[in-house]
N, C-alpha and C. Protein backbone atom coordinates (compact mmCIF):
# COMPACT_ATOMS: atom_id res chain seq x y z
N MET A 1 1.00 -1.20 -0.05
CA MET A 1 -0.14 0.11 -0.22
C MET A 1 0.78 0.80 -0.18
N ASN A 2 0.33 2.05 -0.90
CA ASN A 2 1.28 3.48 -0.71
C ASN A 2 0.40 4.12 0.50
N GLY A 3 1.54 4.98 1.45
CA GLY A 3 1.64 6.05 2.42
C GLY A 3 0.76 7.28 1.87
N ALA A 4 0.88 7.42 0.78
CA ALA A 4 -0.35 8.70 0.04
C ALA A 4 -1.33 8.70 -0.11
N ASP A 5 -2.18 7.13 0.13
CA ASP A 5 -3.28 7.15 -0.27
C ASP A 5 -4.29 6.68 1.11
N THR A 6 -5.43 6.93 1.16
CA THR A 6 -6.11 6.74 1.89
C THR A 6 -7.20 5.56 2.12
N CYS A 7 -7.04 4.54 2.70
CA CYS A 7 -7.94 3.60 2.94
C CYS A 7 -8.36 3.11 3.91
N LYS A 8 -9.40 2.30 3.80
CA LYS A 8 -10.24 1.76 4.69
C LYS A 8 -10.58 0.54 5.10
N LEU A 9 -10.64 -0.31 5.95
CA LEU A 9 -11.09 -1.57 6.64
C LEU A 9 -12.30 -1.80 7.42
N THR A 10 -13.19 -2.32 6.98
CA THR A 10 -14.43 -2.29 8.08
C THR A 10 -13.94 -3.70 8.50
N VAL A 11 -14.27 -3.56 10.08
CA VAL A 11 -13.91 -4.66 10.48
C VAL A 11 -15.53 -4.45 10.99
N LEU A 12 -16.03 -6.14 11.20
CA LEU A 12 -17.33 -6.45 11.63
C LEU A 12 -17.81 -6.55 12.71
N ALA A 13 -18.65 -6.30 12.96
CA ALA A 13 -19.39 -6.56 14.67
C ALA A 13 -19.42 -7.78 14.91
N ASP A 14 -19.43 -9.12 14.11
CA ASP A 14 -19.54 -10.54 14.78
C ASP A 14 -17.96 -10.81 14.92
N THR A 15 -16.73 -10.24 14.87
CA THR A 15 -15.44 -10.74 14.84
C THR A 15 -15.37 -11.91 15.76
N PRO A 16 -14.81 -12.92 15.30
CA PRO A 16 -15.16 -14.07 16.37
C PRO A 16 -13.68 -13.93 17.14
N ALA A 17 -13.30 -12.89 18.73
CA ALA A 17 -12.51 -12.72 19.31
C ALA A 17 -13.16 -13.10 20.66
N LYS A 18 -12.87 -13.68 21.63
CA LYS A 18 -13.34 -14.19 22.92
C LYS A 18 -12.90 -12.83 23.92
N ASP A 19 -11.33 -12.41 23.61
CA ASP A 19 -10.84 -11.11 24.25
C ASP A 19 -11.25 -9.78 23.60
N PHE A 20 -9.99 -9.66 22.51
CA PHE A 20 -10.64 -8.63 21.43
C PHE A 20 -9.42 -8.69 20.31
N TRP A 21 -9.78 -7.90 19.26
CA TRP A 21 -9.22 -7.70 18.07
C TRP A 21 -8.37 -6.35 18.36
N SER A 22 -7.32 -6.78 17.03
CA SER A 22 -6.28 -5.34 17.07
C SER A 22 -5.86 -5.36 15.40
N VAL A 23 -6.00 -3.99 15.16
CA VAL A 23 -5.24 -3.50 13.61
C VAL A 23 -4.07 -2.90 13.52
N ILE A 24 -3.08 -3.45 12.89
CA ILE A 24 -1.41 -2.43 13.49
C ILE A 24 -1.20 -2.31 11.85
N VAL A 25 -0.44 -1.14 12.05
CA VAL A 25 -0.04 -0.95 10.56
C VAL A 25 1.62 -0.84 10.53
N TYR A 26 2.19 -1.51 9.78
CA TYR A 26 3.48 -1.67 9.77
C TYR A 26 4.46 -0.67 8.67
N SER A 27 5.45 -0.30 8.75
CA SER A 27 6.10 0.19 7.35
C SER A 27 6.65 -1.22 6.49
N MET A 28 6.55 -0.98 5.31
CA MET A 28 7.28 -1.91 4.30
C MET A 28 8.81 -1.94 4.47
N GLN A 29 9.68 -0.59 4.85
CA GLN A 29 10.71 -0.33 4.87
C GLN A 29 11.48 -1.11 5.97
N THR A 30 11.33 -1.35 7.34
CA THR A 30 11.94 -1.06 8.45
C THR A 30 10.93 -2.52 8.77
N ARG A 31 9.87 -2.95 8.79
CA ARG A 31 8.96 -4.41 8.75
C ARG A 31 8.35 -3.87 10.60
N GLY A 32 9.19 -2.93 10.81
CA GLY A 32 8.82 -2.08 12.30
C GLY A 32 7.46 -0.77 11.99
N PHE A 33 6.81 -0.21 13.31
CA PHE A 33 5.76 0.77 13.44
C PHE A 33 6.20 1.41 12.33
N VAL A 34 5.33 2.57 11.59
CA VAL A 34 5.55 3.55 10.68
C VAL A 34 5.93 4.69 11.63
N GLU A 35 7.21 4.94 11.29
CA GLU A 35 8.50 6.21 11.96
C GLU A 35 7.41 7.36 11.72
N GLY A 36 7.18 7.93 12.93
CA GLY A 36 6.41 9.37 12.53
C GLY A 36 5.39 9.47 12.85
N ALA A 37 4.73 8.18 13.11
CA ALA A 37 3.07 8.20 13.04
C ALA A 37 2.56 8.13 14.62
N ASN A 38 1.70 9.20 15.03
CA ASN A 38 1.15 9.34 16.04
C ASN A 38 0.43 8.07 16.88
N ARG A 39 0.01 7.54 15.90
CA ARG A 39 -0.83 5.97 16.59
C ARG A 39 -0.93 5.05 15.58
N VAL A 40 -0.46 3.97 15.81
CA VAL A 40 -0.21 2.45 15.04
C VAL A 40 -1.10 1.48 14.81
N GLY A 41 -1.56 1.76 15.90
CA GLY A 41 -2.98 0.65 16.28
C GLY A 41 -4.19 0.91 16.91
N ARG A 42 -5.22 0.11 16.66
CA ARG A 42 -6.36 0.27 17.17
C ARG A 42 -6.94 -1.27 17.27
N SER A 43 -7.57 -1.03 18.37
CA SER A 43 -8.30 -2.43 18.72
C SER A 43 -10.04 -2.31 19.55
N SER A 44 -10.67 -3.26 19.80
CA SER A 44 -11.76 -3.41 20.38
C SER A 44 -11.47 -2.88 21.40
N ILE A 45 -10.41 -2.78 22.02
CA ILE A 45 -10.35 -2.40 23.50
C ILE A 45 -10.37 -1.02 23.80
N ASP A 46 -10.11 -0.10 22.29
CA ASP A 46 -10.36 1.17 22.16
C ASP A 46 -11.89 1.62 21.64
N ARG A 47 -12.55 0.25 21.94
CA ARG A 47 -13.91 0.56 21.33
C ARG A 47 -14.77 2.09 21.48
N PRO A 48 -14.51 2.25 23.13
CA PRO A 48 -15.53 3.19 23.59
C PRO A 48 -14.96 4.91 23.26
N GLY A 49 -14.09 4.89 22.33
CA GLY A 49 -13.44 6.23 21.63
C GLY A 49 -13.01 6.21 20.46
N MET A 50 -13.71 4.73 19.84
CA MET A 50 -13.77 4.81 18.27
C MET A 50 -14.97 5.21 17.59
N GLU A 51 -15.40 5.44 16.38
CA GLU A 51 -16.88 5.97 15.57
C GLU A 51 -17.23 4.45 15.34
N ARG A 52 -18.78 4.05 15.80
CA ARG A 52 -18.75 2.67 15.39
C ARG A 52 -20.31 2.96 14.38
N HIS A 53 -20.54 1.75 13.64
CA HIS A 53 -21.72 1.92 12.65
C HIS A 53 -22.75 1.56 13.48
N ALA A 54 -24.02 1.60 13.19
CA ALA A 54 -25.51 1.27 13.94
C ALA A 54 -25.16 -0.57 14.16
N ASP A 55 -24.97 -0.75 13.28
CA ASP A 55 -24.81 -2.47 12.96
C ASP A 55 -23.54 -3.35 13.97
N GLY A 56 -22.51 -1.91 14.44
CA GLY A 56 -21.69 -2.12 15.37
C GLY A 56 -20.21 -2.54 14.88
N SER A 57 -20.24 -2.32 13.25
CA SER A 57 -19.06 -2.50 12.61
C SER A 57 -17.89 -1.62 12.76
N TYR A 58 -16.95 -1.07 12.37
CA TYR A 58 -16.00 -0.32 12.58
C TYR A 58 -15.49 0.00 11.60
N ASP A 59 -15.20 1.40 10.81
CA ASP A 59 -14.29 1.43 9.60
C ASP A 59 -13.23 1.89 10.43
N ILE A 60 -11.89 1.51 10.11
CA ILE A 60 -10.46 1.61 10.45
C ILE A 60 -9.49 2.28 9.15
N TYR A 61 -9.41 3.51 9.21
CA TYR A 61 -8.60 4.28 8.04
C TYR A 61 -6.97 4.51 8.52
N PHE A 62 -6.66 4.33 7.15
CA PHE A 62 -4.91 4.62 6.76
C PHE A 62 -4.72 5.37 6.10
N GLY A 63 -3.73 6.30 6.57
CA GLY A 63 -3.75 7.46 5.39
C GLY A 63 -3.03 8.52 6.56
N PRO A 64 -2.26 9.38 5.55
CA PRO A 64 -1.32 10.53 5.72
C PRO A 64 -2.05 11.46 6.61
N SER A 65 -3.56 11.76 6.12
CA SER A 65 -4.48 12.39 7.63
C SER A 65 -5.73 12.26 7.46
N ALA A 66 -6.60 12.06 9.03
CA ALA A 66 -7.63 11.45 9.14
C ALA A 66 -8.98 12.20 8.20
N PRO A 67 -9.83 10.93 8.07
CA PRO A 67 -10.73 11.35 7.26
C PRO A 67 -12.20 11.96 8.19
N GLY A 68 -12.46 13.29 7.88
CA GLY A 68 -13.47 14.28 8.65
C GLY A 68 -14.71 13.14 9.48
N GLY A 69 -14.70 12.99 10.86
CA GLY A 69 -15.57 12.39 11.49
C GLY A 69 -14.58 11.34 12.61
N TYR A 70 -13.62 10.59 11.81
CA TYR A 70 -12.93 9.45 11.88
C TYR A 70 -11.54 9.39 12.35
N GLU A 71 -11.29 10.74 12.74
CA GLU A 71 -10.00 10.99 13.71
C GLU A 71 -10.00 9.54 14.43
N ARG A 72 -10.61 9.41 15.24
CA ARG A 72 -10.50 8.30 16.42
C ARG A 72 -10.07 7.13 15.76
N ASN A 73 -10.64 6.86 14.33
CA ASN A 73 -10.54 5.21 14.13
C ASN A 73 -9.37 5.48 12.87
N TRP A 74 -8.63 6.21 12.98
CA TRP A 74 -7.43 6.27 12.12
C TRP A 74 -6.11 5.88 11.97
N LEU A 75 -5.61 5.55 11.30
CA LEU A 75 -3.55 5.24 11.91
C LEU A 75 -3.40 5.75 10.90
N GLU A 76 -1.56 6.38 10.90
CA GLU A 76 -1.41 7.60 10.24
C GLU A 76 -0.28 6.84 9.31
N THR A 77 -0.62 6.82 7.96
CA THR A 77 0.72 6.41 6.85
C THR A 77 1.83 7.52 6.58
N VAL A 78 2.81 7.07 5.95
CA VAL A 78 3.70 8.28 5.39
C VAL A 78 3.47 8.29 3.63
N PRO A 79 3.21 9.36 2.89
CA PRO A 79 3.86 9.33 1.49
C PRO A 79 5.21 8.91 1.25
N GLY A 80 4.96 8.20 0.66
CA GLY A 80 6.10 7.47 -0.50
C GLY A 80 7.16 6.21 0.36
N LYS A 81 5.98 6.47 1.26
CA LYS A 81 6.45 5.00 2.14
C LYS A 81 5.58 3.93 2.19
N GLY A 82 5.77 2.57 1.76
CA GLY A 82 4.92 1.78 1.48
C GLY A 82 4.62 0.95 3.03
N TRP A 83 3.36 0.43 3.46
CA TRP A 83 3.01 -0.11 4.34
C TRP A 83 1.94 -2.02 4.47
N PHE A 84 1.96 -2.04 5.73
CA PHE A 84 1.05 -3.27 5.83
C PHE A 84 0.50 -3.24 7.04
N VAL A 85 -0.51 -4.02 7.05
CA VAL A 85 -1.32 -4.10 8.26
C VAL A 85 -1.45 -5.72 8.78
N ALA A 86 -1.29 -5.38 10.25
CA ALA A 86 -1.46 -7.16 10.75
C ALA A 86 -3.00 -7.22 11.45
N PHE A 87 -3.99 -8.03 11.01
CA PHE A 87 -4.83 -8.04 11.96
C PHE A 87 -4.67 -9.42 12.65
N ARG A 88 -5.17 -9.14 14.39
CA ARG A 88 -4.91 -10.27 15.53
C ARG A 88 -5.88 -10.32 15.94
N VAL A 89 -6.28 -11.85 16.25
CA VAL A 89 -7.42 -11.97 17.05
C VAL A 89 -6.90 -12.72 18.11
N TYR A 90 -7.33 -12.05 19.46
CA TYR A 90 -6.92 -12.74 20.83
C TYR A 90 -8.16 -13.49 20.95
N ALA A 91 -7.56 -15.01 21.54
CA ALA A 91 -8.84 -15.56 22.03
C ALA A 91 -9.49 -15.95 21.24
N PRO A 92 -8.95 -16.49 19.80
CA PRO A 92 -9.85 -16.86 18.60
C PRO A 92 -11.52 -18.06 19.11
N LEU A 93 -12.34 -17.40 18.19
CA LEU A 93 -13.39 -18.52 18.55
C LEU A 93 -13.41 -19.14 17.19
N GLU A 94 -14.49 -20.38 17.12
CA GLU A 94 -14.60 -21.42 16.06
C GLU A 94 -14.32 -20.96 14.38
N PRO A 95 -15.03 -19.51 14.29
CA PRO A 95 -15.14 -19.28 12.81
C PRO A 95 -13.73 -18.71 12.51
N TRP A 96 -13.18 -18.12 12.98
CA TRP A 96 -11.45 -17.92 13.28
C TRP A 96 -10.42 -19.30 12.82
N ILE A 97 -10.48 -20.05 13.80
CA ILE A 97 -9.93 -21.39 13.70
C ILE A 97 -10.60 -22.23 12.74
N GLU A 98 -11.67 -22.23 12.42
CA GLU A 98 -12.45 -23.03 11.06
C GLU A 98 -12.25 -22.48 9.70
N LYS A 99 -11.74 -20.88 10.03
CA LYS A 99 -11.72 -20.31 8.63
C LYS A 99 -12.69 -19.66 8.24
N THR A 100 -13.71 -19.85 8.58
CA THR A 100 -15.24 -19.50 8.20
C THR A 100 -15.30 -18.33 8.21
N TRP A 101 -14.48 -17.13 8.80
CA TRP A 101 -14.90 -15.75 8.94
C TRP A 101 -13.46 -15.49 8.41
N ARG A 102 -13.56 -14.42 8.03
CA ARG A 102 -12.29 -13.41 7.60
C ARG A 102 -12.63 -12.15 7.65
N PRO A 103 -11.42 -11.21 8.13
CA PRO A 103 -11.68 -10.02 7.98
C PRO A 103 -12.06 -9.62 6.54
N GLY A 104 -12.52 -7.91 6.62
CA GLY A 104 -13.02 -7.61 5.07
C GLY A 104 -11.37 -7.40 4.26
N GLU A 105 -11.72 -6.65 3.17
CA GLU A 105 -10.76 -6.31 2.57
C GLU A 105 -10.21 -4.71 2.60
N ILE A 106 -8.79 -4.38 2.39
CA ILE A 106 -8.67 -3.15 2.52
C ILE A 106 -9.08 -2.40 0.91
N GLU A 107 -9.71 -1.53 1.29
CA GLU A 107 -10.18 -0.67 0.49
C GLU A 107 -9.63 0.49 -0.21
N LEU A 108 -9.39 0.86 -1.22
CA LEU A 108 -8.73 2.57 -1.48
C LEU A 108 -10.42 3.47 -1.49
N VAL A 109 -10.03 4.60 -0.64
CA VAL A 109 -11.18 5.31 -0.44
C VAL A 109 -10.75 6.44 -1.51
N LYS A 110 -11.80 7.07 -2.39
CA LYS A 110 -11.88 8.19 -3.55
C LYS A 110 -11.87 9.06 -2.81
């Protein structure tokens, strides 16, 4: 992914995690956290502070600036730098283990 683009991952309400889920953005260059980013991860532990849809899902945004109204759901990327995401499920439930549930695809926001 290109750090200049804004992308979105929708995390569905039925994520099969007994404890919690997390999304972390990493640098393609260093394989570490994105250098200079204010926040590199969001998780269901952060739920009270994030914007949530009526169906219980969350949109997590990745990009150089936060989209209006979703500042709390945003993870910073750096223009000109590649990035990738790790989606983790802590204490996964059967749909995760049996691979019948998958997180959504990361979409480019136009």
